[in-house]
């Protein structure tokens, strides 16, 4: 079982291949993981500022209202 960043790849494969869960998602697990890794790379390069939980919750509340 291969792990990448503390995530079992067998778990990612299982979740990606589950049709009923995939139909409810806006993107696949693979796409979400790929996007997150791109964001981490940009944060490490200093191109974007990391967000804390308060900032994220504020954005969610603004999107709803």
C-alpha atoms as a PDB file:
ATOM      1  CA  UNK A   1       0.000   0.000   0.000  1.00  0.00           C
ATOM      2  CA  UNK A   2       1.619   3.216  -1.172  1.00  0.00           C
ATOM      3  CA  UNK A   3       1.140   6.406   0.824  1.00  0.00           C
ATOM      4  CA  UNK A   4       1.431   9.918  -0.563  1.00  0.00           C
ATOM      5  CA  UNK A   5       1.348  12.720   1.986  1.00  0.00           C
ATOM      6  CA  UNK A   6      -0.210  10.437   4.600  1.00  0.00           C
ATOM      7  CA  UNK A   7      -3.007   9.317   2.259  1.00  0.00           C
ATOM      8  CA  UNK A   8      -3.369   5.675   1.302  1.00  0.00           C
ATOM      9  CA  UNK A   9      -3.605   5.598  -2.466  1.00  0.00           C
ATOM     10  CA  UNK A  10      -5.861   2.538  -2.266  1.00  0.00           C
ATOM     11  CA  UNK A  11      -8.383   4.719  -0.411  1.00  0.00           C
ATOM     12  CA  UNK A  12      -8.198   7.390  -3.115  1.00  0.00           C
ATOM     13  CA  UNK A  13      -8.703   4.742  -5.798  1.00  0.00           C
ATOM     14  CA  UNK A  14     -11.669   3.222  -3.951  1.00  0.00           C
ATOM     15  CA  UNK A  15     -13.349   6.615  -3.497  1.00  0.00           C
ATOM     16  CA  UNK A  16     -12.650   7.639  -7.085  1.00  0.00           C
ATOM     17  CA  UNK A  17     -14.181   4.447  -8.433  1.00  0.00           C
ATOM     18  CA  UNK A  18     -17.364   4.654  -6.336  1.00  0.00           C
ATOM     19  CA  UNK A  19     -19.995   5.777  -8.830  1.00  0.00           C
ATOM     20  CA  UNK A  20     -22.703   6.834  -6.388  1.00  0.00           C
ATOM     21  CA  UNK A  21     -20.330   9.072  -4.415  1.00  0.00           C
ATOM     22  CA  UNK A  22     -18.767  10.492  -7.568  1.00  0.00           C
ATOM     23  CA  UNK A  23     -22.153  11.580  -8.898  1.00  0.00           C
ATOM     24  CA  UNK A  24     -22.730  13.747  -5.788  1.00  0.00           C
ATOM     25  CA  UNK A  25     -19.320  15.435  -5.938  1.00  0.00           C
ATOM     26  CA  UNK A  26     -18.546  18.559  -7.951  1.00  0.00           C
ATOM     27  CA  UNK A  27     -15.196  16.970  -8.844  1.00  0.00           C
ATOM     28  CA  UNK A  28     -13.453  13.640  -8.330  1.00  0.00           C
ATOM     29  CA  UNK A  29     -11.181  12.881  -5.391  1.00  0.00           C
ATOM     30  CA  UNK A  30      -8.232  12.813  -7.775  1.00  0.00           C
ATOM     31  CA  UNK A  31      -9.064  16.291  -9.147  1.00  0.00           C
ATOM     32  CA  UNK A  32      -9.505  17.683  -5.634  1.00  0.00           C
ATOM     33  CA  UNK A  33      -6.171  16.242  -4.495  1.00  0.00           C
ATOM     34  CA  UNK A  34      -4.435  17.535  -7.617  1.00  0.00           C
ATOM     35  CA  UNK A  35      -5.840  21.045  -7.025  1.00  0.00           C
ATOM     36  CA  UNK A  36      -4.757  20.996  -3.376  1.00  0.00           C
ATOM     37  CA  UNK A  37      -1.210  19.995  -4.298  1.00  0.00           C
ATOM     38  CA  UNK A  38      -1.031  22.845  -6.830  1.00  0.00           C
ATOM     39  CA  UNK A  39      -2.130  25.290  -4.104  1.00  0.00           C
ATOM     40  CA  UNK A  40       0.531  23.955  -1.708  1.00  0.00           C
ATOM     41  CA  UNK A  41       3.173  24.454  -4.398  1.00  0.00           C
ATOM     42  CA  UNK A  42       2.057  28.083  -4.952  1.00  0.00           C
ATOM     43  CA  UNK A  43       2.094  28.743  -1.190  1.00  0.00           C
ATOM     44  CA  UNK A  44       5.635  27.370  -0.907  1.00  0.00           C
ATOM     45  CA  UNK A  45       6.741  29.555  -3.825  1.00  0.00           C
ATOM     46  CA  UNK A  46       5.187  32.581  -2.095  1.00  0.00           C
ATOM     47  CA  UNK A  47       2.792  33.305  -4.955  1.00  0.00           C
ATOM     48  CA  UNK A  48      -0.334  33.034  -2.788  1.00  0.00           C
ATOM     49  CA  UNK A  49      -0.916  33.656   0.901  1.00  0.00           C
ATOM     50  CA  UNK A  50      -2.022  30.699   3.042  1.00  0.00           C
ATOM     51  CA  UNK A  51      -5.502  31.006   4.549  1.00  0.00           C
ATOM     52  CA  UNK A  52      -6.475  30.233   8.109  1.00  0.00           C
ATOM     53  CA  UNK A  53      -9.788  28.693   9.181  1.00  0.00           C
ATOM     54  CA  UNK A  54     -11.334  32.055  10.037  1.00  0.00           C
ATOM     55  CA  UNK A  55     -10.709  33.341   6.517  1.00  0.00           C
ATOM     56  CA  UNK A  56     -12.184  30.198   4.972  1.00  0.00           C
ATOM     57  CA  UNK A  57     -15.311  30.318   7.167  1.00  0.00           C
ATOM     58  CA  UNK A  58     -15.750  34.003   6.329  1.00  0.00           C
ATOM     59  CA  UNK A  59     -15.649  33.203   2.600  1.00  0.00           C
ATOM     60  CA  UNK A  60     -18.181  30.380   3.010  1.00  0.00           C
ATOM     61  CA  UNK A  61     -20.582  32.646   4.873  1.00  0.00           C
ATOM     62  CA  UNK A  62     -20.212  35.349   2.199  1.00  0.00           C
ATOM     63  CA  UNK A  63     -20.942  32.806  -0.568  1.00  0.00           C
ATOM     64  CA  UNK A  64     -24.139  31.660   1.174  1.00  0.00           C
ATOM     65  CA  UNK A  65     -25.452  35.165   1.851  1.00  0.00           C
END
